[in-house]
């Protein structure tokens, strides 16, 4: 005789007892961990909370490892998964609400980013920003930094001999806000190395890529200052 204490029943032999365990709703077995739960919900919580299991509760499906489970979350229909937070949300609406409260999302295309700076760069990329800064060679660029890079790499067919050093030289010679070259460059040795100072008086940092810094909005320097500087660089390079 084999007794089941939980169900207060006796069985004539071991095989009958094991059959009872398999069929009874009062026995919910995790074979891998050799655990027996009274309620099915307790077994499911065990699957979800144990590092020994890789379980999708929505599909009631086990996977061999964490990578397979995450791939399932990302590709199967009906799942709303945040890979950054490793969370499964309740439907697409739950995921949208989660992204709005925890991440930086683009209202134009729905993409989300970890930081505000990443979102800012995305909004200024060619995905959303029109290439409206013209070069006299006929090409258009999405930013002043891209326009300057066009010269520095020698891609402009009108003035192909303008390289990085000459561009820096032109920038260094330009007056900005009437304060002269000293606003943009530091000592003469730094000038030769192309190290510029931000035009925002409250920003004391120095940069080898002045336009990128202004466009990053990491200080109070405005993009219209970059455009003003850009127009002067244009006149110096083309000589008109």
C-alpha atoms as a PDB file:
ATOM      1  CA  UNK A   1       0.000   0.000   0.000  1.00  0.00           C
ATOM      2  CA  UNK A   2       1.273   3.460  -0.991  1.00  0.00           C
ATOM      3  CA  UNK A   3      -0.359   6.507   0.609  1.00  0.00           C
ATOM      4  CA  UNK A   4      -0.820  10.009  -0.807  1.00  0.00           C
ATOM      5  CA  UNK A   5      -0.845  12.237   2.261  1.00  0.00           C
ATOM      6  CA  UNK A   6      -1.987  15.315   0.359  1.00  0.00           C
ATOM      7  CA  UNK A   7      -5.047  13.621  -1.068  1.00  0.00           C
ATOM      8  CA  UNK A   8      -5.499  11.224   1.881  1.00  0.00           C
ATOM      9  CA  UNK A   9      -5.761   8.253  -0.450  1.00  0.00           C
ATOM     10  CA  UNK A  10      -4.062   4.886  -0.568  1.00  0.00           C
ATOM     11  CA  UNK A  11      -2.934   2.920  -3.610  1.00  0.00           C
ATOM     12  CA  UNK A  12      -2.223  -0.778  -3.852  1.00  0.00           C
ATOM     13  CA  UNK A  13       1.152  -0.347  -5.535  1.00  0.00           C
ATOM     14  CA  UNK A  14       3.692   2.237  -6.687  1.00  0.00           C
ATOM     15  CA  UNK A  15       2.569   2.358 -10.315  1.00  0.00           C
ATOM     16  CA  UNK A  16      -0.999   3.220  -9.265  1.00  0.00           C
ATOM     17  CA  UNK A  17       0.321   5.969  -7.001  1.00  0.00           C
ATOM     18  CA  UNK A  18       2.446   7.439  -9.797  1.00  0.00           C
ATOM     19  CA  UNK A  19      -0.541   7.340 -12.138  1.00  0.00           C
ATOM     20  CA  UNK A  20      -2.504   9.280  -9.534  1.00  0.00           C
ATOM     21  CA  UNK A  21       0.253  11.897  -9.298  1.00  0.00           C
ATOM     22  CA  UNK A  22       0.224  12.390 -13.068  1.00  0.00           C
ATOM     23  CA  UNK A  23      -3.571  12.662 -13.332  1.00  0.00           C
ATOM     24  CA  UNK A  24      -4.530  14.568 -10.194  1.00  0.00           C
ATOM     25  CA  UNK A  25      -5.110  18.336 -10.280  1.00  0.00           C
ATOM     26  CA  UNK A  26      -3.745  18.459  -6.756  1.00  0.00           C
ATOM     27  CA  UNK A  27      -0.324  17.444  -7.985  1.00  0.00           C
ATOM     28  CA  UNK A  28       1.500  19.798 -10.336  1.00  0.00           C
ATOM     29  CA  UNK A  29       4.952  18.413 -10.870  1.00  0.00           C
ATOM     30  CA  UNK A  30       8.165  20.035 -12.041  1.00  0.00           C
ATOM     31  CA  UNK A  31      10.106  16.987 -13.158  1.00  0.00           C
ATOM     32  CA  UNK A  32      13.347  18.925 -13.635  1.00  0.00           C
ATOM     33  CA  UNK A  33      13.384  20.243 -10.075  1.00  0.00           C
ATOM     34  CA  UNK A  34      11.485  17.320  -8.501  1.00  0.00           C
ATOM     35  CA  UNK A  35       8.941  19.657  -6.933  1.00  0.00           C
ATOM     36  CA  UNK A  36       5.227  19.066  -6.413  1.00  0.00           C
ATOM     37  CA  UNK A  37       2.823  22.016  -6.163  1.00  0.00           C
ATOM     38  CA  UNK A  38      -0.754  21.943  -4.955  1.00  0.00           C
ATOM     39  CA  UNK A  39      -1.997  24.452  -7.535  1.00  0.00           C
ATOM     40  CA  UNK A  40      -1.085  24.869 -11.189  1.00  0.00           C
ATOM     41  CA  UNK A  41      -0.552  28.598 -10.731  1.00  0.00           C
ATOM     42  CA  UNK A  42       2.151  27.834  -8.173  1.00  0.00           C
ATOM     43  CA  UNK A  43       3.914  25.614 -10.685  1.00  0.00           C
ATOM     44  CA  UNK A  44       3.729  28.355 -13.321  1.00  0.00           C
ATOM     45  CA  UNK A  45       5.168  30.893 -10.882  1.00  0.00           C
ATOM     46  CA  UNK A  46       7.994  28.450 -10.256  1.00  0.00           C
ATOM     47  CA  UNK A  47       8.676  28.208 -13.997  1.00  0.00           C
ATOM     48  CA  UNK A  48       8.639  31.990 -14.378  1.00  0.00           C
ATOM     49  CA  UNK A  49      10.775  32.736 -11.343  1.00  0.00           C
ATOM     50  CA  UNK A  50      13.361  29.988 -11.483  1.00  0.00           C
ATOM     51  CA  UNK A  51      16.656  30.501 -13.304  1.00  0.00           C
ATOM     52  CA  UNK A  52      16.504  26.793 -14.145  1.00  0.00           C
ATOM     53  CA  UNK A  53      13.616  27.363 -16.543  1.00  0.00           C
ATOM     54  CA  UNK A  54      13.175  29.393 -19.725  1.00  0.00           C
ATOM     55  CA  UNK A  55       9.421  29.548 -19.921  1.00  0.00           C
ATOM     56  CA  UNK A  56       6.889  31.601 -21.862  1.00  0.00           C
ATOM     57  CA  UNK A  57       3.728  31.730 -19.755  1.00  0.00           C
ATOM     58  CA  UNK A  58       1.629  33.151 -22.610  1.00  0.00           C
ATOM     59  CA  UNK A  59       2.401  30.178 -24.846  1.00  0.00           C
ATOM     60  CA  UNK A  60       2.952  27.620 -22.052  1.00  0.00           C
ATOM     61  CA  UNK A  61       6.186  26.673 -23.788  1.00  0.00           C
ATOM     62  CA  UNK A  62       9.627  25.796 -22.445  1.00  0.00           C
ATOM     63  CA  UNK A  63      12.867  26.653 -24.223  1.00  0.00           C
ATOM     64  CA  UNK A  64      16.338  25.203 -23.922  1.00  0.00           C
ATOM     65  CA  UNK A  65      18.056  28.439 -22.912  1.00  0.00           C
ATOM     66  CA  UNK A  66      17.553  32.174 -22.351  1.00  0.00           C
ATOM     67  CA  UNK A  67      18.594  33.115 -25.892  1.00  0.00           C
ATOM     68  CA  UNK A  68      15.884  30.914 -27.379  1.00  0.00           C
ATOM     69  CA  UNK A  69      13.280  32.402 -25.045  1.00  0.00           C
ATOM     70  CA  UNK A  70      14.255  35.989 -25.917  1.00  0.00           C
ATOM     71  CA  UNK A  71      14.222  35.147 -29.629  1.00  0.00           C
ATOM     72  CA  UNK A  72      10.723  33.759 -29.132  1.00  0.00           C
ATOM     73  CA  UNK A  73       9.574  36.948 -27.372  1.00  0.00           C
ATOM     74  CA  UNK A  74      10.931  39.099 -30.193  1.00  0.00           C
ATOM     75  CA  UNK A  75       9.600  37.099 -33.124  1.00  0.00           C
ATOM     76  CA  UNK A  76       6.382  35.371 -32.054  1.00  0.00           C
ATOM     77  CA  UNK A  77       3.072  37.137 -32.585  1.00  0.00           C
ATOM     78  CA  UNK A  78       1.223  38.473 -29.570  1.00  0.00           C
ATOM     79  CA  UNK A  79       4.268  39.198 -27.434  1.00  0.00           C
ATOM     80  CA  UNK A  80       5.249  42.657 -26.197  1.00  0.00           C
ATOM     81  CA  UNK A  81       8.834  42.473 -25.025  1.00  0.00           C
ATOM     82  CA  UNK A  82      11.230  45.197 -23.903  1.00  0.00           C
ATOM     83  CA  UNK A  83      14.745  43.913 -24.495  1.00  0.00           C
ATOM     84  CA  UNK A  84      16.385  46.754 -22.557  1.00  0.00           C
ATOM     85  CA  UNK A  85      14.434  45.998 -19.383  1.00  0.00           C
ATOM     86  CA  UNK A  86      14.004  42.259 -20.052  1.00  0.00           C
ATOM     87  CA  UNK A  87      10.278  42.585 -19.421  1.00  0.00           C
ATOM     88  CA  UNK A  88       7.253  41.054 -21.082  1.00  0.00           C
ATOM     89  CA  UNK A  89       4.392  43.551 -21.129  1.00  0.00           C
ATOM     90  CA  UNK A  90       0.662  43.041 -21.507  1.00  0.00           C
ATOM     91  CA  UNK A  91       0.104  43.610 -25.197  1.00  0.00           C
ATOM     92  CA  UNK A  92       1.310  46.339 -27.514  1.00  0.00           C
ATOM     93  CA  UNK A  93      -0.464  49.016 -25.499  1.00  0.00           C
ATOM     94  CA  UNK A  94       1.376  47.903 -22.381  1.00  0.00           C
ATOM     95  CA  UNK A  95       4.674  48.061 -24.265  1.00  0.00           C
ATOM     96  CA  UNK A  96       3.858  51.534 -25.611  1.00  0.00           C
ATOM     97  CA  UNK A  97       3.021  52.808 -22.123  1.00  0.00           C
ATOM     98  CA  UNK A  98       6.207  51.245 -20.773  1.00  0.00           C
ATOM     99  CA  UNK A  99       8.340  52.864 -23.469  1.00  0.00           C
ATOM    100  CA  UNK A 100       6.803  56.287 -22.858  1.00  0.00           C
ATOM    101  CA  UNK A 101       7.455  56.124 -19.133  1.00  0.00           C
ATOM    102  CA  UNK A 102      10.867  54.407 -19.144  1.00  0.00           C
ATOM    103  CA  UNK A 103      12.528  55.238 -22.472  1.00  0.00           C
ATOM    104  CA  UNK A 104      12.956  58.056 -24.990  1.00  0.00           C
ATOM    105  CA  UNK A 105      10.721  57.409 -27.983  1.00  0.00           C
ATOM    106  CA  UNK A 106      10.454  59.141 -31.326  1.00  0.00           C
ATOM    107  CA  UNK A 107       6.898  60.341 -31.920  1.00  0.00           C
ATOM    108  CA  UNK A 108       7.474  60.371 -35.661  1.00  0.00           C
ATOM    109  CA  UNK A 109       8.469  56.737 -36.215  1.00  0.00           C
ATOM    110  CA  UNK A 110       7.958  55.005 -32.860  1.00  0.00           C
ATOM    111  CA  UNK A 111      11.575  53.962 -32.326  1.00  0.00           C
ATOM    112  CA  UNK A 112      12.792  54.109 -28.739  1.00  0.00           C
ATOM    113  CA  UNK A 113      16.202  54.928 -27.331  1.00  0.00           C
ATOM    114  CA  UNK A 114      17.954  54.491 -24.013  1.00  0.00           C
ATOM    115  CA  UNK A 115      19.026  58.096 -23.588  1.00  0.00           C
ATOM    116  CA  UNK A 116      17.771  61.537 -24.544  1.00  0.00           C
ATOM    117  CA  UNK A 117      21.001  62.133 -26.437  1.00  0.00           C
ATOM    118  CA  UNK A 118      20.434  59.048 -28.612  1.00  0.00           C
ATOM    119  CA  UNK A 119      16.932  60.296 -29.426  1.00  0.00           C
ATOM    120  CA  UNK A 120      18.303  63.746 -30.279  1.00  0.00           C
ATOM    121  CA  UNK A 121      20.844  62.262 -32.699  1.00  0.00           C
ATOM    122  CA  UNK A 122      18.105  60.145 -34.271  1.00  0.00           C
ATOM    123  CA  UNK A 123      15.889  63.191 -34.827  1.00  0.00           C
ATOM    124  CA  UNK A 124      18.789  64.965 -36.516  1.00  0.00           C
ATOM    125  CA  UNK A 125      19.631  62.009 -38.749  1.00  0.00           C
ATOM    126  CA  UNK A 126      18.612  61.632 -42.379  1.00  0.00           C
ATOM    127  CA  UNK A 127      15.678  59.511 -41.197  1.00  0.00           C
ATOM    128  CA  UNK A 128      13.777  62.641 -40.193  1.00  0.00           C
ATOM    129  CA  UNK A 129      15.892  65.598 -41.212  1.00  0.00           C
ATOM    130  CA  UNK A 130      15.845  66.993 -44.718  1.00  0.00           C
ATOM    131  CA  UNK A 131      19.180  67.660 -46.400  1.00  0.00           C
ATOM    132  CA  UNK A 132      18.747  71.412 -46.828  1.00  0.00           C
ATOM    133  CA  UNK A 133      22.246  72.816 -46.285  1.00  0.00           C
ATOM    134  CA  UNK A 134      23.600  73.453 -49.805  1.00  0.00           C
ATOM    135  CA  UNK A 135      27.113  73.264 -51.132  1.00  0.00           C
ATOM    136  CA  UNK A 136      27.980  75.209 -54.260  1.00  0.00           C
ATOM    137  CA  UNK A 137      28.792  71.923 -55.976  1.00  0.00           C
ATOM    138  CA  UNK A 138      25.084  71.044 -55.932  1.00  0.00           C
ATOM    139  CA  UNK A 139      25.024  68.596 -53.033  1.00  0.00           C
ATOM    140  CA  UNK A 140      22.893  69.088 -49.930  1.00  0.00           C
ATOM    141  CA  UNK A 141      23.664  68.055 -46.361  1.00  0.00           C
ATOM    142  CA  UNK A 142      21.631  67.451 -43.217  1.00  0.00           C
ATOM    143  CA  UNK A 143      24.018  69.324 -40.923  1.00  0.00           C
ATOM    144  CA  UNK A 144      26.813  71.857 -40.904  1.00  0.00           C
ATOM    145  CA  UNK A 145      29.147  69.159 -39.597  1.00  0.00           C
ATOM    146  CA  UNK A 146      28.391  66.980 -42.635  1.00  0.00           C
ATOM    147  CA  UNK A 147      29.020  69.946 -44.930  1.00  0.00           C
ATOM    148  CA  UNK A 148      32.408  70.643 -43.317  1.00  0.00           C
ATOM    149  CA  UNK A 149      33.331  66.951 -43.545  1.00  0.00           C
ATOM    150  CA  UNK A 150      32.544  67.120 -47.267  1.00  0.00           C
ATOM    151  CA  UNK A 151      35.407  69.620 -47.621  1.00  0.00           C
ATOM    152  CA  UNK A 152      37.793  68.016 -45.179  1.00  0.00           C
ATOM    153  CA  UNK A 153      37.677  64.727 -47.064  1.00  0.00           C
ATOM    154  CA  UNK A 154      38.282  66.465 -50.404  1.00  0.00           C
ATOM    155  CA  UNK A 155      34.936  65.423 -51.924  1.00  0.00           C
ATOM    156  CA  UNK A 156      33.888  68.836 -53.239  1.00  0.00           C
ATOM    157  CA  UNK A 157      34.663  68.914 -56.998  1.00  0.00           C
ATOM    158  CA  UNK A 158      34.729  72.721 -57.063  1.00  0.00           C
ATOM    159  CA  UNK A 159      37.515  73.066 -54.499  1.00  0.00           C
ATOM    160  CA  UNK A 160      39.059  69.578 -54.304  1.00  0.00           C
ATOM    161  CA  UNK A 161      42.277  70.838 -52.733  1.00  0.00           C
ATOM    162  CA  UNK A 162      40.606  72.048 -49.531  1.00  0.00           C
ATOM    163  CA  UNK A 163      41.630  69.632 -46.802  1.00  0.00           C
ATOM    164  CA  UNK A 164      41.056  69.375 -43.051  1.00  0.00           C
ATOM    165  CA  UNK A 165      43.907  71.764 -42.205  1.00  0.00           C
ATOM    166  CA  UNK A 166      42.693  74.507 -44.554  1.00  0.00           C
ATOM    167  CA  UNK A 167      39.141  74.263 -43.247  1.00  0.00           C
ATOM    168  CA  UNK A 168      40.449  74.634 -39.704  1.00  0.00           C
ATOM    169  CA  UNK A 169      42.540  77.585 -40.822  1.00  0.00           C
ATOM    170  CA  UNK A 170      39.489  79.310 -42.291  1.00  0.00           C
ATOM    171  CA  UNK A 171      37.472  78.679 -39.142  1.00  0.00           C
ATOM    172  CA  UNK A 172      40.280  80.055 -37.021  1.00  0.00           C
ATOM    173  CA  UNK A 173      40.440  83.279 -39.031  1.00  0.00           C
ATOM    174  CA  UNK A 174      36.722  84.005 -38.761  1.00  0.00           C
ATOM    175  CA  UNK A 175      35.302  86.410 -36.239  1.00  0.00           C
ATOM    176  CA  UNK A 176      32.175  85.237 -34.460  1.00  0.00           C
ATOM    177  CA  UNK A 177      29.899  87.633 -32.553  1.00  0.00           C
ATOM    178  CA  UNK A 178      32.554  90.321 -33.014  1.00  0.00           C
ATOM    179  CA  UNK A 179      34.908  88.737 -30.521  1.00  0.00           C
ATOM    180  CA  UNK A 180      37.535  87.584 -32.957  1.00  0.00           C
ATOM    181  CA  UNK A 181      39.532  84.460 -33.458  1.00  0.00           C
ATOM    182  CA  UNK A 182      40.244  84.017 -29.747  1.00  0.00           C
ATOM    183  CA  UNK A 183      36.657  82.922 -29.222  1.00  0.00           C
ATOM    184  CA  UNK A 184      37.149  79.891 -31.395  1.00  0.00           C
ATOM    185  CA  UNK A 185      40.709  78.809 -30.821  1.00  0.00           C
ATOM    186  CA  UNK A 186      43.029  78.726 -27.854  1.00  0.00           C
ATOM    187  CA  UNK A 187      46.788  79.299 -27.970  1.00  0.00           C
ATOM    188  CA  UNK A 188      48.671  79.217 -31.249  1.00  0.00           C
ATOM    189  CA  UNK A 189      49.794  75.625 -30.729  1.00  0.00           C
ATOM    190  CA  UNK A 190      46.158  74.573 -30.290  1.00  0.00           C
ATOM    191  CA  UNK A 191      45.197  76.575 -33.354  1.00  0.00           C
ATOM    192  CA  UNK A 192      47.701  74.659 -35.431  1.00  0.00           C
ATOM    193  CA  UNK A 193      46.198  71.431 -34.130  1.00  0.00           C
ATOM    194  CA  UNK A 194      42.684  72.594 -34.972  1.00  0.00           C
ATOM    195  CA  UNK A 195      41.343  72.775 -31.397  1.00  0.00           C
ATOM    196  CA  UNK A 196      38.396  75.175 -31.260  1.00  0.00           C
ATOM    197  CA  UNK A 197      36.574  76.744 -28.344  1.00  0.00           C
ATOM    198  CA  UNK A 198      32.795  76.688 -28.141  1.00  0.00           C
ATOM    199  CA  UNK A 199      31.140  80.047 -29.015  1.00  0.00           C
ATOM    200  CA  UNK A 200      28.930  79.819 -25.928  1.00  0.00           C
ATOM    201  CA  UNK A 201      30.681  82.006 -23.307  1.00  0.00           C
ATOM    202  CA  UNK A 202      29.471  79.755 -20.495  1.00  0.00           C
ATOM    203  CA  UNK A 203      31.000  76.645 -22.093  1.00  0.00           C
ATOM    204  CA  UNK A 204      34.737  76.394 -21.452  1.00  0.00           C
ATOM    205  CA  UNK A 205      35.312  73.126 -23.278  1.00  0.00           C
ATOM    206  CA  UNK A 206      37.549  72.803 -26.329  1.00  0.00           C
ATOM    207  CA  UNK A 207      36.799  70.622 -29.329  1.00  0.00           C
ATOM    208  CA  UNK A 208      38.431  69.364 -32.479  1.00  0.00           C
ATOM    209  CA  UNK A 209      34.958  69.163 -34.061  1.00  0.00           C
ATOM    210  CA  UNK A 210      33.272  72.464 -33.262  1.00  0.00           C
ATOM    211  CA  UNK A 211      30.212  72.018 -35.479  1.00  0.00           C
ATOM    212  CA  UNK A 212      29.387  68.582 -34.084  1.00  0.00           C
ATOM    213  CA  UNK A 213      29.561  70.031 -30.582  1.00  0.00           C
ATOM    214  CA  UNK A 214      27.185  72.890 -31.377  1.00  0.00           C
ATOM    215  CA  UNK A 215      24.711  70.578 -33.087  1.00  0.00           C
ATOM    216  CA  UNK A 216      24.774  68.151 -30.162  1.00  0.00           C
ATOM    217  CA  UNK A 217      23.025  70.809 -28.017  1.00  0.00           C
ATOM    218  CA  UNK A 218      25.159  69.747 -25.075  1.00  0.00           C
ATOM    219  CA  UNK A 219      25.578  73.385 -24.048  1.00  0.00           C
ATOM    220  CA  UNK A 220      23.855  76.703 -24.755  1.00  0.00           C
ATOM    221  CA  UNK A 221      25.464  77.209 -28.147  1.00  0.00           C
ATOM    222  CA  UNK A 222      22.710  77.567 -30.733  1.00  0.00           C
ATOM    223  CA  UNK A 223      22.590  76.056 -34.167  1.00  0.00           C
ATOM    224  CA  UNK A 224      22.081  79.484 -35.701  1.00  0.00           C
ATOM    225  CA  UNK A 225      25.601  80.268 -34.475  1.00  0.00           C
ATOM    226  CA  UNK A 226      26.837  77.273 -36.445  1.00  0.00           C
ATOM    227  CA  UNK A 227      24.945  78.466 -39.525  1.00  0.00           C
ATOM    228  CA  UNK A 228      26.441  81.933 -39.169  1.00  0.00           C
ATOM    229  CA  UNK A 229      29.891  80.429 -38.936  1.00  0.00           C
ATOM    230  CA  UNK A 230      29.087  78.140 -41.857  1.00  0.00           C
ATOM    231  CA  UNK A 231      28.217  81.067 -44.128  1.00  0.00           C
ATOM    232  CA  UNK A 232      31.532  82.731 -43.346  1.00  0.00           C
ATOM    233  CA  UNK A 233      33.459  79.518 -43.967  1.00  0.00           C
ATOM    234  CA  UNK A 234      31.647  79.199 -47.298  1.00  0.00           C
ATOM    235  CA  UNK A 235      32.723  82.685 -48.376  1.00  0.00           C
ATOM    236  CA  UNK A 236      36.328  82.122 -47.281  1.00  0.00           C
ATOM    237  CA  UNK A 237      36.678  78.780 -49.051  1.00  0.00           C
ATOM    238  CA  UNK A 238      35.096  79.902 -52.324  1.00  0.00           C
ATOM    239  CA  UNK A 239      36.600  83.381 -52.176  1.00  0.00           C
ATOM    240  CA  UNK A 240      33.300  85.137 -52.737  1.00  0.00           C
END
